[in-house]
C-alpha atoms as a PDB file:
ATOM      1  CA  UNK A   1      95.197  80.054 109.280  1.00  0.00           C
ATOM      2  CA  UNK A   2      91.981  78.218 108.296  1.00  0.00           C
ATOM      3  CA  UNK A   3      89.079  80.568 107.737  1.00  0.00           C
ATOM      4  CA  UNK A   4      91.252  83.659 107.779  1.00  0.00           C
ATOM      5  CA  UNK A   5      90.378  86.680 105.642  1.00  0.00           C
ATOM      6  CA  UNK A   6      92.964  87.823 103.121  1.00  0.00           C
ATOM      7  CA  UNK A   7      94.261  91.391 102.853  1.00  0.00           C
ATOM      8  CA  UNK A   8      92.632  91.597  99.399  1.00  0.00           C
ATOM      9  CA  UNK A   9      89.258  90.665 100.911  1.00  0.00           C
ATOM     10  CA  UNK A  10      89.690  93.287 103.636  1.00  0.00           C
ATOM     11  CA  UNK A  11      90.421  95.938 101.004  1.00  0.00           C
ATOM     12  CA  UNK A  12      87.348  94.805  99.055  1.00  0.00           C
ATOM     13  CA  UNK A  13      85.253  95.199 102.215  1.00  0.00           C
ATOM     14  CA  UNK A  14      86.583  98.732 102.736  1.00  0.00           C
ATOM     15  CA  UNK A  15      85.904  99.575  99.078  1.00  0.00           C
ATOM     16  CA  UNK A  16      82.331  98.287  99.426  1.00  0.00           C
ATOM     17  CA  UNK A  17      81.703 100.254 102.630  1.00  0.00           C
ATOM     18  CA  UNK A  18      83.100 103.437 101.078  1.00  0.00           C
ATOM     19  CA  UNK A  19      80.969 103.008  97.926  1.00  0.00           C
ATOM     20  CA  UNK A  20      77.916 102.571 100.171  1.00  0.00           C
ATOM     21  CA  UNK A  21      78.777 105.657 102.235  1.00  0.00           C
ATOM     22  CA  UNK A  22      79.451 107.817  99.183  1.00  0.00           C
ATOM     23  CA  UNK A  23      76.176 106.780  97.543  1.00  0.00           C
ATOM     24  CA  UNK A  24      74.265 107.333 100.788  1.00  0.00           C
ATOM     25  CA  UNK A  25      75.725 110.759 101.461  1.00  0.00           C
ATOM     26  CA  UNK A  26      75.350 112.048  97.896  1.00  0.00           C
ATOM     27  CA  UNK A  27      71.770 110.821  97.325  1.00  0.00           C
ATOM     28  CA  UNK A  28      72.806 108.308  94.651  1.00  0.00           C
ATOM     29  CA  UNK A  29      69.992 105.759  94.926  1.00  0.00           C
ATOM     30  CA  UNK A  30      71.283 103.575  92.077  1.00  0.00           C
ATOM     31  CA  UNK A  31      74.814 103.619  93.510  1.00  0.00           C
ATOM     32  CA  UNK A  32      73.348 102.615  96.881  1.00  0.00           C
ATOM     33  CA  UNK A  33      71.454  99.699  95.322  1.00  0.00           C
ATOM     34  CA  UNK A  34      74.567  98.654  93.389  1.00  0.00           C
ATOM     35  CA  UNK A  35      76.363  97.878  96.669  1.00  0.00           C
ATOM     36  CA  UNK A  36      73.935  94.970  97.145  1.00  0.00           C
ATOM     37  CA  UNK A  37      73.816  91.618  95.377  1.00  0.00           C
ATOM     38  CA  UNK A  38      70.841  91.394  92.999  1.00  0.00           C
ATOM     39  CA  UNK A  39      68.845  89.441  95.575  1.00  0.00           C
ATOM     40  CA  UNK A  40      70.285  91.345  98.542  1.00  0.00           C
ATOM     41  CA  UNK A  41      68.265  92.159 101.641  1.00  0.00           C
ATOM     42  CA  UNK A  42      68.404  95.307 103.757  1.00  0.00           C
ATOM     43  CA  UNK A  43      67.117  95.222 107.326  1.00  0.00           C
ATOM     44  CA  UNK A  44      66.727  98.843 108.419  1.00  0.00           C
ATOM     45  CA  UNK A  45      67.113 100.282 111.880  1.00  0.00           C
ATOM     46  CA  UNK A  46      63.362 100.973 111.802  1.00  0.00           C
ATOM     47  CA  UNK A  47      62.547  97.263 111.442  1.00  0.00           C
ATOM     48  CA  UNK A  48      61.814  97.308 107.711  1.00  0.00           C
ATOM     49  CA  UNK A  49      62.919  94.473 105.435  1.00  0.00           C
ATOM     50  CA  UNK A  50      63.763  95.629 101.902  1.00  0.00           C
ATOM     51  CA  UNK A  51      64.407  92.841  99.376  1.00  0.00           C
ATOM     52  CA  UNK A  52      65.995  93.026  95.925  1.00  0.00           C
ATOM     53  CA  UNK A  53      67.762  95.688  93.914  1.00  0.00           C
ATOM     54  CA  UNK A  54      64.722  97.660  92.708  1.00  0.00           C
ATOM     55  CA  UNK A  55      63.179  97.852  96.185  1.00  0.00           C
ATOM     56  CA  UNK A  56      66.517  98.843  97.732  1.00  0.00           C
ATOM     57  CA  UNK A  57      66.957 101.570  95.093  1.00  0.00           C
ATOM     58  CA  UNK A  58      63.429 102.881  95.793  1.00  0.00           C
ATOM     59  CA  UNK A  59      64.120 102.861  99.529  1.00  0.00           C
ATOM     60  CA  UNK A  60      67.374 104.798  98.985  1.00  0.00           C
ATOM     61  CA  UNK A  61      65.597 107.317  96.761  1.00  0.00           C
ATOM     62  CA  UNK A  62      62.862 107.845  99.360  1.00  0.00           C
ATOM     63  CA  UNK A  63      65.219 108.224 102.310  1.00  0.00           C
ATOM     64  CA  UNK A  64      67.761 110.412 100.504  1.00  0.00           C
ATOM     65  CA  UNK A  65      65.116 113.018  99.713  1.00  0.00           C
ATOM     66  CA  UNK A  66      63.914 113.238 103.313  1.00  0.00           C
ATOM     67  CA  UNK A  67      64.343 116.708 104.824  1.00  0.00           C
ATOM     68  CA  UNK A  68      67.657 117.159 106.644  1.00  0.00           C
ATOM     69  CA  UNK A  69      69.618 114.435 104.859  1.00  0.00           C
ATOM     70  CA  UNK A  70      71.690 116.730 102.652  1.00  0.00           C
ATOM     71  CA  UNK A  71      74.964 117.631 104.365  1.00  0.00           C
ATOM     72  CA  UNK A  72      75.318 114.449 106.382  1.00  0.00           C
ATOM     73  CA  UNK A  73      78.309 112.099 106.424  1.00  0.00           C
ATOM     74  CA  UNK A  74      78.491 108.480 107.495  1.00  0.00           C
ATOM     75  CA  UNK A  75      81.633 107.110 109.139  1.00  0.00           C
ATOM     76  CA  UNK A  76      82.296 103.376 109.497  1.00  0.00           C
ATOM     77  CA  UNK A  77      84.752 101.497 111.648  1.00  0.00           C
ATOM     78  CA  UNK A  78      85.047  97.805 110.861  1.00  0.00           C
ATOM     79  CA  UNK A  79      85.411  95.913 114.112  1.00  0.00           C
ATOM     80  CA  UNK A  80      85.287  92.254 113.126  1.00  0.00           C
ATOM     81  CA  UNK A  81      85.506  90.244 109.899  1.00  0.00           C
ATOM     82  CA  UNK A  82      85.091  86.479 109.693  1.00  0.00           C
ATOM     83  CA  UNK A  83      84.627  83.879 107.000  1.00  0.00           C
ATOM     84  CA  UNK A  84      81.265  82.141 107.204  1.00  0.00           C
ATOM     85  CA  UNK A  85      79.395  79.735 104.960  1.00  0.00           C
ATOM     86  CA  UNK A  86      78.212  81.793 102.040  1.00  0.00           C
ATOM     87  CA  UNK A  87      80.544  84.764 102.458  1.00  0.00           C
ATOM     88  CA  UNK A  88      82.238  87.193 104.791  1.00  0.00           C
ATOM     89  CA  UNK A  89      80.548  88.410 107.971  1.00  0.00           C
ATOM     90  CA  UNK A  90      81.435  92.042 108.695  1.00  0.00           C
ATOM     91  CA  UNK A  91      80.526  93.835 111.925  1.00  0.00           C
ATOM     92  CA  UNK A  92      80.983  97.615 111.997  1.00  0.00           C
ATOM     93  CA  UNK A  93      80.241 100.601 114.161  1.00  0.00           C
ATOM     94  CA  UNK A  94      78.945 103.712 112.390  1.00  0.00           C
ATOM     95  CA  UNK A  95      77.969 107.237 113.167  1.00  0.00           C
ATOM     96  CA  UNK A  96      76.381 110.017 111.152  1.00  0.00           C
ATOM     97  CA  UNK A  97      77.459 113.631 111.443  1.00  0.00           C
ATOM     98  CA  UNK A  98      75.572 116.473 109.835  1.00  0.00           C
ATOM     99  CA  UNK A  99      76.632 120.021 109.181  1.00  0.00           C
ATOM    100  CA  UNK A 100      74.442 123.041 108.564  1.00  0.00           C
ATOM    101  CA  UNK A 101      75.799 125.991 106.591  1.00  0.00           C
ATOM    102  CA  UNK A 102      73.941 128.583 108.659  1.00  0.00           C
ATOM    103  CA  UNK A 103      74.418 128.629 111.511  1.00  0.00           C
ATOM    104  CA  UNK A 104      77.659 126.710 111.092  1.00  0.00           C
ATOM    105  CA  UNK A 105      76.858 123.851 113.451  1.00  0.00           C
ATOM    106  CA  UNK A 106      77.851 120.191 113.297  1.00  0.00           C
ATOM    107  CA  UNK A 107      76.398 117.413 115.397  1.00  0.00           C
ATOM    108  CA  UNK A 108      76.470 113.659 115.759  1.00  0.00           C
ATOM    109  CA  UNK A 109      73.070 112.762 114.402  1.00  0.00           C
ATOM    110  CA  UNK A 110      72.996 109.037 115.151  1.00  0.00           C
ATOM    111  CA  UNK A 111      75.155 106.008 115.731  1.00  0.00           C
ATOM    112  CA  UNK A 112      74.763 102.288 115.473  1.00  0.00           C
ATOM    113  CA  UNK A 113      76.023  98.990 114.131  1.00  0.00           C
ATOM    114  CA  UNK A 114      75.929  97.075 110.872  1.00  0.00           C
ATOM    115  CA  UNK A 115      76.063  93.313 110.709  1.00  0.00           C
ATOM    116  CA  UNK A 116      76.661  92.390 107.073  1.00  0.00           C
ATOM    117  CA  UNK A 117      77.021  89.247 105.021  1.00  0.00           C
ATOM    118  CA  UNK A 118      79.141  90.087 101.978  1.00  0.00           C
ATOM    119  CA  UNK A 119      79.390  87.843  98.927  1.00  0.00           C
ATOM    120  CA  UNK A 120      81.512  87.867  95.802  1.00  0.00           C
ATOM    121  CA  UNK A 121      79.460  88.513  92.667  1.00  0.00           C
ATOM    122  CA  UNK A 122      80.364  89.081  89.030  1.00  0.00           C
ATOM    123  CA  UNK A 123      80.498  92.805  89.946  1.00  0.00           C
ATOM    124  CA  UNK A 124      82.772  92.326  92.962  1.00  0.00           C
ATOM    125  CA  UNK A 125      82.022  92.121  96.666  1.00  0.00           C
ATOM    126  CA  UNK A 126      78.414  93.050  97.519  1.00  0.00           C
ATOM    127  CA  UNK A 127      76.027  92.929 100.474  1.00  0.00           C
ATOM    128  CA  UNK A 128      73.906  89.772 100.491  1.00  0.00           C
ATOM    129  CA  UNK A 129      72.350  91.115 103.660  1.00  0.00           C
ATOM    130  CA  UNK A 130      72.851  94.278 105.648  1.00  0.00           C
ATOM    131  CA  UNK A 131      71.393  94.628 109.141  1.00  0.00           C
ATOM    132  CA  UNK A 132      71.467  98.188 110.441  1.00  0.00           C
ATOM    133  CA  UNK A 133      70.869  98.515 114.145  1.00  0.00           C
ATOM    134  CA  UNK A 134      70.997 101.048 116.957  1.00  0.00           C
ATOM    135  CA  UNK A 135      73.770 101.518 119.480  1.00  0.00           C
ATOM    136  CA  UNK A 136      72.598 103.303 122.586  1.00  0.00           C
ATOM    137  CA  UNK A 137      72.170 102.818 126.310  1.00  0.00           C
ATOM    138  CA  UNK A 138      69.250 100.435 125.703  1.00  0.00           C
ATOM    139  CA  UNK A 139      70.520  98.400 122.718  1.00  0.00           C
ATOM    140  CA  UNK A 140      74.279  98.045 123.193  1.00  0.00           C
ATOM    141  CA  UNK A 141      75.384  94.621 124.398  1.00  0.00           C
ATOM    142  CA  UNK A 142      77.033  94.821 127.788  1.00  0.00           C
ATOM    143  CA  UNK A 143      79.322  92.154 129.226  1.00  0.00           C
ATOM    144  CA  UNK A 144      80.209  93.883 132.498  1.00  0.00           C
END
């Protein structure tokens, strides 16, 4: 099928998403930055545009040390993958759960979408651009 995505590419996407999640949830700012191409761009859910590896690493360092971020876990569900000029377009749903030791309480902290352009680099598949957005009663697209 023209334009189809191979099983190997799908596994590479999953590996990239899991490396991103692990770095995010363990406060590994360099690991977070390493999931991006050297000239990668991050568009945050707060409307910020972060460009390049050093700036992305600094952003990850700043956000990982924010109060309340330890003990959280990100979960991704890839919904759609397509081949596009320049790479693979990946659309995913995500949610963040956090857990407090005392009192032992877990909650869904937030949820949203990621719209990513992934490219093959000398280091493997990386984000050329990652757009993180909200998913709620105001932002979710609605066909019906």
